[in-house]
Structures are given as C-alpha cells and as structure tokens.
Amino acid sequence: MKEWLITIEPLLSAGLGAFLAYFFTSRAKRDESIIHFKEEKYAKLLVKLQGFVGTTTSGKLKREFFEEQYQSWLYASDEVIEAINNLVALVIANRGATPDPEAGRKVVGEIVLAMRRDLLKKTALSHGSFRYTDVHE
C-alpha cells in the first residue's frame, strides 16, 4: 500500500499543480481582457465628454456621449455610473443653459476620477486634477 501511495502522490501533486496554474493563468487573462475592454470604452466616453466642456461644446458629441453612456451600464463600475448620473442631473437642472463652470468641471472630473479608480483601484488625484484644455487655432 505504501509503495502505491508513493507512486500516486507525485501524479496527484503534478495534476493539482497543473490545474492551479491553468486556473490562475486563465483568470489573469480574463481580468486583463476586461481591463483592456474597459480602457477602450472609457477612452471613448472621455473623448465624448468634450461635448460638455469649453469651446468643444457640441450637440453631436453630447448625443454620442449619451449613446456610449447607455452602453456603460453593461460594464462600468457603480461609481462611474453614479458620476455620469451626476452629470446628467446637472444637464437636466440647467435645461440647456450653460451650467456653473466650476460645477461642470467638478462633475466631469468626478467621472474621470471614477474611471481611474475602476481601472487602477487607487489614485491620489482629485476631481480638480483633471482639466480639458481648449486649443485655439
């Protein structure tokens, strides 16, 4: 019986090791794929946010942003969804008029910050750290 266990033990250890290696590798690849997908989608949202800011304000970009925002319900973190909802509330509250610039910068900065937290988990930045720069030709 002891000889039988000596033969089986290395095989079981090798099998368990192979399974664990496969499990953790596939999980890491899946997580990496999800992060890459979110980076691409968040980048699109970020570009579309320009439709709400400064001289880049554009009805077309706003519509495109809201199309992306609807899709974000499928992948974005709760914090990102709430930050976007705050932007939507600000837009609705101002009924087409330009909102207070500081309130607008804060709500946009909070969206970007929520995206960073979702992707990086930690950040030392605040909503004020993010700024769009208007480029005049």
N, C-alpha and C. Protein backbone atom coordinates (compact mmCIF):
# COMPACT_ATOMS: atom_id res chain seq x y z
N MET A 1 0.82 -1.19 0.00
CA MET A 1 0.00 0.00 0.00
C MET A 1 0.86 1.26 0.00
N LYS A 2 1.94 1.27 0.79
CA LYS A 2 2.82 2.42 0.89
C LYS A 2 3.49 2.71 -0.46
N GLU A 3 3.89 1.67 -1.18
CA GLU A 3 4.50 1.84 -2.49
C GLU A 3 3.51 2.44 -3.48
N TRP A 4 2.28 2.05 -3.37
CA TRP A 4 1.22 2.57 -4.24
C TRP A 4 1.03 4.07 -3.99
N LEU A 5 1.02 4.48 -2.74
CA LEU A 5 0.88 5.90 -2.40
C LEU A 5 2.08 6.71 -2.89
N ILE A 6 3.27 6.13 -2.79
CA ILE A 6 4.49 6.81 -3.26
C ILE A 6 4.41 7.05 -4.77
N THR A 7 3.77 6.17 -5.49
CA THR A 7 3.61 6.32 -6.94
C THR A 7 2.53 7.32 -7.29
N ILE A 8 1.44 7.31 -6.56
CA ILE A 8 0.28 8.15 -6.87
C ILE A 8 0.50 9.60 -6.41
N GLU A 9 1.15 9.80 -5.30
CA GLU A 9 1.31 11.15 -4.73
C GLU A 9 1.95 12.13 -5.71
N PRO A 10 3.06 11.81 -6.38
CA PRO A 10 3.63 12.76 -7.34
C PRO A 10 2.69 13.06 -8.51
N LEU A 11 1.95 12.05 -8.95
CA LEU A 11 0.99 12.27 -10.04
C LEU A 11 -0.13 13.21 -9.61
N LEU A 12 -0.64 13.00 -8.40
CA LEU A 12 -1.69 13.89 -7.90
C LEU A 12 -1.16 15.31 -7.70
N SER A 13 0.04 15.43 -7.18
CA SER A 13 0.65 16.75 -6.98
C SER A 13 0.85 17.46 -8.31
N ALA A 14 1.33 16.74 -9.31
CA ALA A 14 1.55 17.32 -10.64
C ALA A 14 0.21 17.74 -11.25
N GLY A 15 -0.79 16.90 -11.10
CA GLY A 15 -2.12 17.23 -11.63
C GLY A 15 -2.72 18.44 -10.96
N LEU A 16 -2.61 18.50 -9.64
CA LEU A 16 -3.12 19.65 -8.91
C LEU A 16 -2.36 20.92 -9.29
N GLY A 17 -1.04 20.81 -9.40
CA GLY A 17 -0.23 21.96 -9.80
C GLY A 17 -0.60 22.47 -11.18
N ALA A 18 -0.81 21.55 -12.11
CA ALA A 18 -1.20 21.93 -13.47
C ALA A 18 -2.57 22.60 -13.48
N PHE A 19 -3.49 22.05 -12.71
CA PHE A 19 -4.83 22.65 -12.64
C PHE A 19 -4.76 24.05 -12.05
N LEU A 20 -4.03 24.23 -10.97
CA LEU A 20 -3.93 25.55 -10.35
C LEU A 20 -3.25 26.56 -11.27
N ALA A 21 -2.22 26.13 -11.97
CA ALA A 21 -1.54 27.01 -12.93
C ALA A 21 -2.51 27.44 -14.03
N TYR A 22 -3.26 26.50 -14.56
CA TYR A 22 -4.25 26.80 -15.59
C TYR A 22 -5.31 27.76 -15.06
N PHE A 23 -5.82 27.47 -13.87
CA PHE A 23 -6.87 28.28 -13.28
C PHE A 23 -6.43 29.72 -13.11
N PHE A 24 -5.27 29.92 -12.50
CA PHE A 24 -4.81 31.28 -12.23
C PHE A 24 -4.39 32.01 -13.50
N THR A 25 -3.84 31.31 -14.47
CA THR A 25 -3.47 31.92 -15.74
C THR A 25 -4.71 32.36 -16.51
N SER A 26 -5.72 31.50 -16.56
CA SER A 26 -6.94 31.87 -17.29
C SER A 26 -7.66 33.02 -16.59
N ARG A 27 -7.64 33.06 -15.28
CA ARG A 27 -8.26 34.16 -14.54
C ARG A 27 -7.52 35.46 -14.82
N ALA A 28 -6.20 35.42 -14.83
CA ALA A 28 -5.40 36.62 -15.10
C ALA A 28 -5.65 37.13 -16.51
N LYS A 29 -5.74 36.21 -17.48
CA LYS A 29 -6.02 36.62 -18.86
C LYS A 29 -7.40 37.24 -18.98
N ARG A 30 -8.38 36.66 -18.30
CA ARG A 30 -9.73 37.20 -18.34
C ARG A 30 -9.76 38.59 -17.72
N ASP A 31 -9.12 38.77 -16.56
CA ASP A 31 -9.08 40.07 -15.91
C ASP A 31 -8.39 41.11 -16.79
N GLU A 32 -7.30 40.70 -17.44
CA GLU A 32 -6.57 41.60 -18.33
C GLU A 32 -7.45 42.01 -19.51
N SER A 33 -8.20 41.07 -20.03
CA SER A 33 -9.11 41.34 -21.15
C SER A 33 -10.21 42.32 -20.73
N ILE A 34 -10.75 42.14 -19.55
CA ILE A 34 -11.79 43.04 -19.05
C ILE A 34 -11.24 44.44 -18.87
N ILE A 35 -10.06 44.56 -18.31
CA ILE A 35 -9.46 45.88 -18.11
C ILE A 35 -9.20 46.56 -19.46
N HIS A 36 -8.69 45.81 -20.42
CA HIS A 36 -8.44 46.37 -21.75
C HIS A 36 -9.75 46.84 -22.38
N PHE A 37 -10.81 46.05 -22.26
CA PHE A 37 -12.12 46.42 -22.80
C PHE A 37 -12.61 47.72 -22.14
N LYS A 38 -12.51 47.79 -20.82
CA LYS A 38 -12.96 48.99 -20.11
C LYS A 38 -12.12 50.21 -20.50
N GLU A 39 -10.81 50.03 -20.66
CA GLU A 39 -9.96 51.15 -21.08
C GLU A 39 -10.43 51.73 -22.41
N GLU A 40 -10.73 50.86 -23.36
CA GLU A 40 -11.20 51.31 -24.67
C GLU A 40 -12.53 52.05 -24.54
N LYS A 41 -13.45 51.48 -23.79
CA LYS A 41 -14.77 52.10 -23.65
C LYS A 41 -14.69 53.42 -22.87
N TYR A 42 -13.90 53.45 -21.81
CA TYR A 42 -13.74 54.68 -21.03
C TYR A 42 -13.05 55.76 -21.86
N ALA A 43 -12.12 55.37 -22.72
CA ALA A 43 -11.46 56.35 -23.58
C ALA A 43 -12.48 57.01 -24.51
N LYS A 44 -13.40 56.23 -25.04
CA LYS A 44 -14.46 56.79 -25.89
C LYS A 44 -15.34 57.75 -25.09
N LEU A 45 -15.72 57.35 -23.89
CA LEU A 45 -16.53 58.24 -23.05
C LEU A 45 -15.79 59.54 -22.75
N LEU A 46 -14.52 59.42 -22.48
CA LEU A 46 -13.70 60.58 -22.14
C LEU A 46 -13.65 61.57 -23.30
N VAL A 47 -13.46 61.06 -24.51
CA VAL A 47 -13.43 61.94 -25.68
C VAL A 47 -14.79 62.60 -25.88
N LYS A 48 -15.84 61.85 -25.69
CA LYS A 48 -17.19 62.39 -25.88
C LYS A 48 -17.55 63.42 -24.80
N LEU A 49 -16.91 63.34 -23.65
CA LEU A 49 -17.15 64.33 -22.59
C LEU A 49 -16.77 65.74 -23.04
N GLN A 50 -15.90 65.84 -24.04
CA GLN A 50 -15.52 67.15 -24.56
C GLN A 50 -16.73 67.93 -25.05
N GLY A 51 -17.78 67.24 -25.40
CA GLY A 51 -19.01 67.89 -25.86
C GLY A 51 -19.68 68.74 -24.80
N PHE A 52 -19.24 68.60 -23.56
CA PHE A 52 -19.83 69.35 -22.46
C PHE A 52 -18.92 70.46 -21.93
N VAL A 53 -17.72 70.61 -22.50
CA VAL A 53 -16.70 71.44 -21.88
C VAL A 53 -16.19 72.53 -22.82
N GLY A 54 -16.14 73.76 -22.32
CA GLY A 54 -15.47 74.88 -23.00
C GLY A 54 -15.89 75.07 -24.44
N THR A 55 -14.90 75.40 -25.29
CA THR A 55 -15.19 75.68 -26.70
C THR A 55 -15.47 74.41 -27.49
N THR A 56 -15.26 73.26 -26.89
CA THR A 56 -15.53 71.99 -27.58
C THR A 56 -16.97 71.54 -27.40
N THR A 57 -17.78 72.37 -26.73
CA THR A 57 -19.18 72.01 -26.52
C THR A 57 -19.84 71.74 -27.86
N SER A 58 -20.53 70.61 -27.93
CA SER A 58 -21.12 70.19 -29.21
C SER A 58 -22.31 69.29 -28.95
N GLY A 59 -23.42 69.62 -29.61
CA GLY A 59 -24.61 68.77 -29.50
C GLY A 59 -24.35 67.37 -30.03
N LYS A 60 -23.56 67.27 -31.11
CA LYS A 60 -23.24 65.97 -31.70
C LYS A 60 -22.46 65.12 -30.71
N LEU A 61 -21.43 65.70 -30.08
CA LEU A 61 -20.64 64.95 -29.10
C LEU A 61 -21.49 64.57 -27.89
N LYS A 62 -22.40 65.44 -27.49
CA LYS A 62 -23.28 65.12 -26.36
C LYS A 62 -24.14 63.90 -26.68
N ARG A 63 -24.72 63.89 -27.88
CA ARG A 63 -25.54 62.74 -28.28
C ARG A 63 -24.70 61.46 -28.30
N GLU A 64 -23.49 61.55 -28.86
CA GLU A 64 -22.61 60.39 -28.90
C GLU A 64 -22.22 59.95 -27.49
N PHE A 65 -22.01 60.92 -26.61
CA PHE A 65 -21.69 60.59 -25.22
C PHE A 65 -22.84 59.80 -24.60
N PHE A 66 -24.07 60.27 -24.80
CA PHE A 66 -25.20 59.57 -24.20
C PHE A 66 -25.41 58.18 -24.78
N GLU A 67 -25.07 57.99 -26.06
CA GLU A 67 -25.13 56.65 -26.64
C GLU A 67 -24.12 55.74 -25.93
N GLU A 68 -22.91 56.24 -25.73
CA GLU A 68 -21.89 55.48 -25.00
C GLU A 68 -22.31 55.26 -23.55
N GLN A 69 -22.93 56.29 -22.96
CA GLN A 69 -23.34 56.19 -21.55
C GLN A 69 -24.37 55.09 -21.36
N TYR A 70 -25.28 54.93 -22.29
CA TYR A 70 -26.27 53.86 -22.17
C TYR A 70 -25.59 52.51 -22.17
N GLN A 71 -24.58 52.35 -23.03
CA GLN A 71 -23.84 51.09 -23.09
C GLN A 71 -23.03 50.85 -21.82
N SER A 72 -22.61 51.94 -21.17
CA SER A 72 -21.74 51.80 -20.00
C SER A 72 -22.43 51.08 -18.85
N TRP A 73 -23.74 51.02 -18.89
CA TRP A 73 -24.46 50.28 -17.84
C TRP A 73 -24.08 48.80 -17.84
N LEU A 74 -23.55 48.32 -18.94
CA LEU A 74 -23.18 46.90 -19.04
C LEU A 74 -21.80 46.59 -18.48
N TYR A 75 -20.92 47.59 -18.36
CA TYR A 75 -19.54 47.29 -17.96
C TYR A 75 -18.97 48.22 -16.89
N ALA A 76 -19.51 49.40 -16.73
CA ALA A 76 -18.91 50.38 -15.82
C ALA A 76 -19.21 50.04 -14.36
N SER A 77 -18.30 50.49 -13.50
CA SER A 77 -18.50 50.28 -12.06
C SER A 77 -19.65 51.17 -11.58
N ASP A 78 -20.17 50.85 -10.41
CA ASP A 78 -21.25 51.65 -9.83
C ASP A 78 -20.82 53.09 -9.65
N GLU A 79 -19.57 53.30 -9.25
CA GLU A 79 -19.07 54.66 -9.03
C GLU A 79 -19.06 55.47 -10.34
N VAL A 80 -18.69 54.85 -11.44
CA VAL A 80 -18.69 55.53 -12.73
C VAL A 80 -20.12 55.87 -13.13
N ILE A 81 -21.03 54.93 -12.98
CA ILE A 81 -22.44 55.17 -13.31
C ILE A 81 -22.99 56.34 -12.49
N GLU A 82 -22.71 56.36 -11.20
CA GLU A 82 -23.19 57.46 -10.34
C GLU A 82 -22.59 58.80 -10.75
N ALA A 83 -21.31 58.80 -11.10
CA ALA A 83 -20.66 60.05 -11.53
C ALA A 83 -21.29 60.56 -12.83
N ILE A 84 -21.57 59.66 -13.76
CA ILE A 84 -22.23 60.06 -15.01
C ILE A 84 -23.64 60.54 -14.72
N ASN A 85 -24.34 59.87 -13.81
CA ASN A 85 -25.68 60.31 -13.45
C ASN A 85 -25.67 61.72 -12.87
N ASN A 86 -24.61 62.09 -12.15
CA ASN A 86 -24.48 63.45 -11.63
C ASN A 86 -24.34 64.45 -12.77
N LEU A 87 -23.62 64.09 -13.82
CA LEU A 87 -23.52 64.95 -15.00
C LEU A 87 -24.89 65.10 -15.65
N VAL A 88 -25.58 64.00 -15.82
CA VAL A 88 -26.92 64.04 -16.42
C VAL A 88 -27.84 64.93 -15.59
N ALA A 89 -27.78 64.82 -14.27
CA ALA A 89 -28.61 65.66 -13.40
C ALA A 89 -28.26 67.13 -13.57
N LEU A 90 -26.97 67.44 -13.71
CA LEU A 90 -26.55 68.83 -13.91
C LEU A 90 -27.07 69.36 -15.24
N VAL A 91 -27.00 68.55 -16.29
CA VAL A 91 -27.51 68.96 -17.60
C VAL A 91 -29.01 69.20 -17.53
N ILE A 92 -29.73 68.30 -16.89
CA ILE A 92 -31.19 68.43 -16.77
C ILE A 92 -31.54 69.67 -15.94
N ALA A 93 -30.83 69.89 -14.86
CA ALA A 93 -31.12 71.03 -13.98
C ALA A 93 -30.92 72.36 -14.69
N ASN A 94 -30.00 72.40 -15.63
CA ASN A 94 -29.73 73.66 -16.34
C ASN A 94 -30.52 73.81 -17.62
N ARG A 95 -31.26 72.80 -18.01
CA ARG A 95 -32.19 72.84 -19.15
C ARG A 95 -31.60 73.52 -20.39
N GLY A 96 -30.42 73.08 -20.76
CA GLY A 96 -29.81 73.59 -21.98
C GLY A 96 -28.93 74.81 -21.77
N ALA A 97 -29.07 75.48 -20.65
CA ALA A 97 -28.22 76.63 -20.37
C ALA A 97 -26.86 76.12 -19.89
N THR A 98 -25.85 76.97 -20.02
CA THR A 98 -24.52 76.59 -19.57
C THR A 98 -24.49 76.54 -18.05
N PRO A 99 -24.10 75.42 -17.47
CA PRO A 99 -24.04 75.33 -16.01
C PRO A 99 -22.86 76.14 -15.46
N ASP A 100 -22.88 76.33 -14.17
CA ASP A 100 -21.76 76.98 -13.49
C ASP A 100 -20.48 76.26 -13.90
N PRO A 101 -19.48 77.00 -14.41
CA PRO A 101 -18.26 76.34 -14.89
C PRO A 101 -17.58 75.48 -13.82
N GLU A 102 -17.55 75.93 -12.59
CA GLU A 102 -16.91 75.14 -11.53
C GLU A 102 -17.66 73.84 -11.27
N ALA A 103 -19.00 73.91 -11.27
CA ALA A 103 -19.81 72.70 -11.07
C ALA A 103 -19.60 71.74 -12.24
N GLY A 104 -19.51 72.28 -13.45
CA GLY A 104 -19.27 71.45 -14.62
C GLY A 104 -17.91 70.76 -14.57
N ARG A 105 -16.86 71.53 -14.20
CA ARG A 105 -15.53 70.94 -14.09
C ARG A 105 -15.50 69.85 -13.02
N LYS A 106 -16.20 70.10 -11.92
CA LYS A 106 -16.22 69.12 -10.83
C LYS A 106 -16.89 67.82 -11.27
N VAL A 107 -18.04 67.93 -11.90
CA VAL A 107 -18.77 66.72 -12.27
C VAL A 107 -18.02 65.94 -13.36
N VAL A 108 -17.38 66.62 -14.30
CA VAL A 108 -16.59 65.93 -15.31
C VAL A 108 -15.36 65.29 -14.66
N GLY A 109 -14.70 66.03 -13.78
CA GLY A 109 -13.54 65.49 -13.07
C GLY A 109 -13.89 64.26 -12.25
N GLU A 110 -15.07 64.26 -11.64
CA GLU A 110 -15.51 63.11 -10.85
C GLU A 110 -15.73 61.87 -11.74
N ILE A 111 -16.19 62.08 -12.96
CA ILE A 111 -16.37 60.96 -13.88
C ILE A 111 -15.01 60.35 -14.22
N VAL A 112 -14.05 61.21 -14.56
CA VAL A 112 -12.72 60.74 -14.93
C VAL A 112 -12.07 60.04 -13.74
N LEU A 113 -12.22 60.61 -12.56
CA LEU A 113 -11.66 60.02 -11.35
C LEU A 113 -12.28 58.64 -11.07
N ALA A 114 -13.58 58.51 -11.26
CA ALA A 114 -14.25 57.22 -11.05
C ALA A 114 -13.73 56.18 -12.05
N MET A 115 -13.47 56.61 -13.29
CA MET A 115 -12.91 55.68 -14.28
C MET A 115 -11.51 55.23 -13.86
N ARG A 116 -10.70 56.17 -13.38
CA ARG A 116 -9.34 55.82 -12.92
C ARG A 116 -9.41 54.81 -11.78
N ARG A 117 -10.31 55.06 -10.84
CA ARG A 117 -10.43 54.14 -9.70
C ARG A 117 -10.87 52.76 -10.15
N ASP A 118 -11.76 52.71 -11.14
CA ASP A 118 -12.23 51.42 -11.63
C ASP A 118 -11.08 50.65 -12.30
N LEU A 119 -10.23 51.36 -13.03
CA LEU A 119 -9.14 50.70 -13.74
C LEU A 119 -7.91 50.46 -12.87
N LEU A 120 -7.57 51.44 -12.02
CA LEU A 120 -6.32 51.37 -11.26
C LEU A 120 -6.52 50.98 -9.80
N LYS A 121 -7.73 51.04 -9.34
CA LYS A 121 -8.11 50.73 -7.95
C LYS A 121 -7.72 51.83 -6.96
N LYS A 122 -6.55 52.46 -7.14
CA LYS A 122 -6.13 53.53 -6.23
C LYS A 122 -5.63 54.70 -7.05
N THR A 123 -5.86 55.90 -6.53
CA THR A 123 -5.31 57.09 -7.15
C THR A 123 -5.22 58.18 -6.09
N ALA A 124 -4.20 58.99 -6.21
CA ALA A 124 -4.02 60.10 -5.27
C ALA A 124 -4.60 61.39 -5.83
N LEU A 125 -5.14 61.34 -7.04
CA LEU A 125 -5.67 62.55 -7.68
C LEU A 125 -7.06 62.88 -7.15
N SER A 126 -7.47 64.11 -7.40
CA SER A 126 -8.82 64.54 -7.06
C SER A 126 -9.51 64.98 -8.34
N HIS A 127 -10.80 65.31 -8.23
CA HIS A 127 -11.53 65.73 -9.43
C HIS A 127 -10.92 66.99 -10.05
N GLY A 128 -10.29 67.83 -9.23
CA GLY A 128 -9.67 69.06 -9.74
C GLY A 128 -8.40 68.81 -10.52
N SER A 129 -7.85 67.63 -10.44
CA SER A 129 -6.62 67.32 -11.17
C SER A 129 -6.85 67.17 -12.67
N PHE A 130 -8.08 66.87 -13.05
CA PHE A 130 -8.39 66.68 -14.46
C PHE A 130 -8.89 67.99 -15.06
N ARG A 131 -8.31 68.36 -16.19
CA ARG A 131 -8.74 69.57 -16.89
C ARG A 131 -8.67 69.34 -18.39
N TYR A 132 -9.72 69.76 -19.08
CA TYR A 132 -9.65 69.83 -20.53
C TYR A 132 -8.98 71.14 -20.88
N THR A 133 -8.22 71.14 -21.94
CA THR A 133 -7.56 72.36 -22.40
C THR A 133 -8.15 72.73 -23.75
N ASP A 134 -8.71 73.93 -23.81
CA ASP A 134 -9.23 74.42 -25.10
C ASP A 134 -8.04 74.87 -25.95
N VAL A 135 -8.00 74.38 -27.17
CA VAL A 135 -6.94 74.76 -28.10
C VAL A 135 -7.55 75.66 -29.15
N HIS A 136 -7.00 76.85 -29.25
CA HIS A 136 -7.48 77.82 -30.24
C HIS A 136 -6.45 77.90 -31.36
N GLU A 137 -6.95 77.85 -32.59
CA GLU A 137 -6.03 77.91 -33.73
C GLU A 137 -5.88 79.32 -34.21
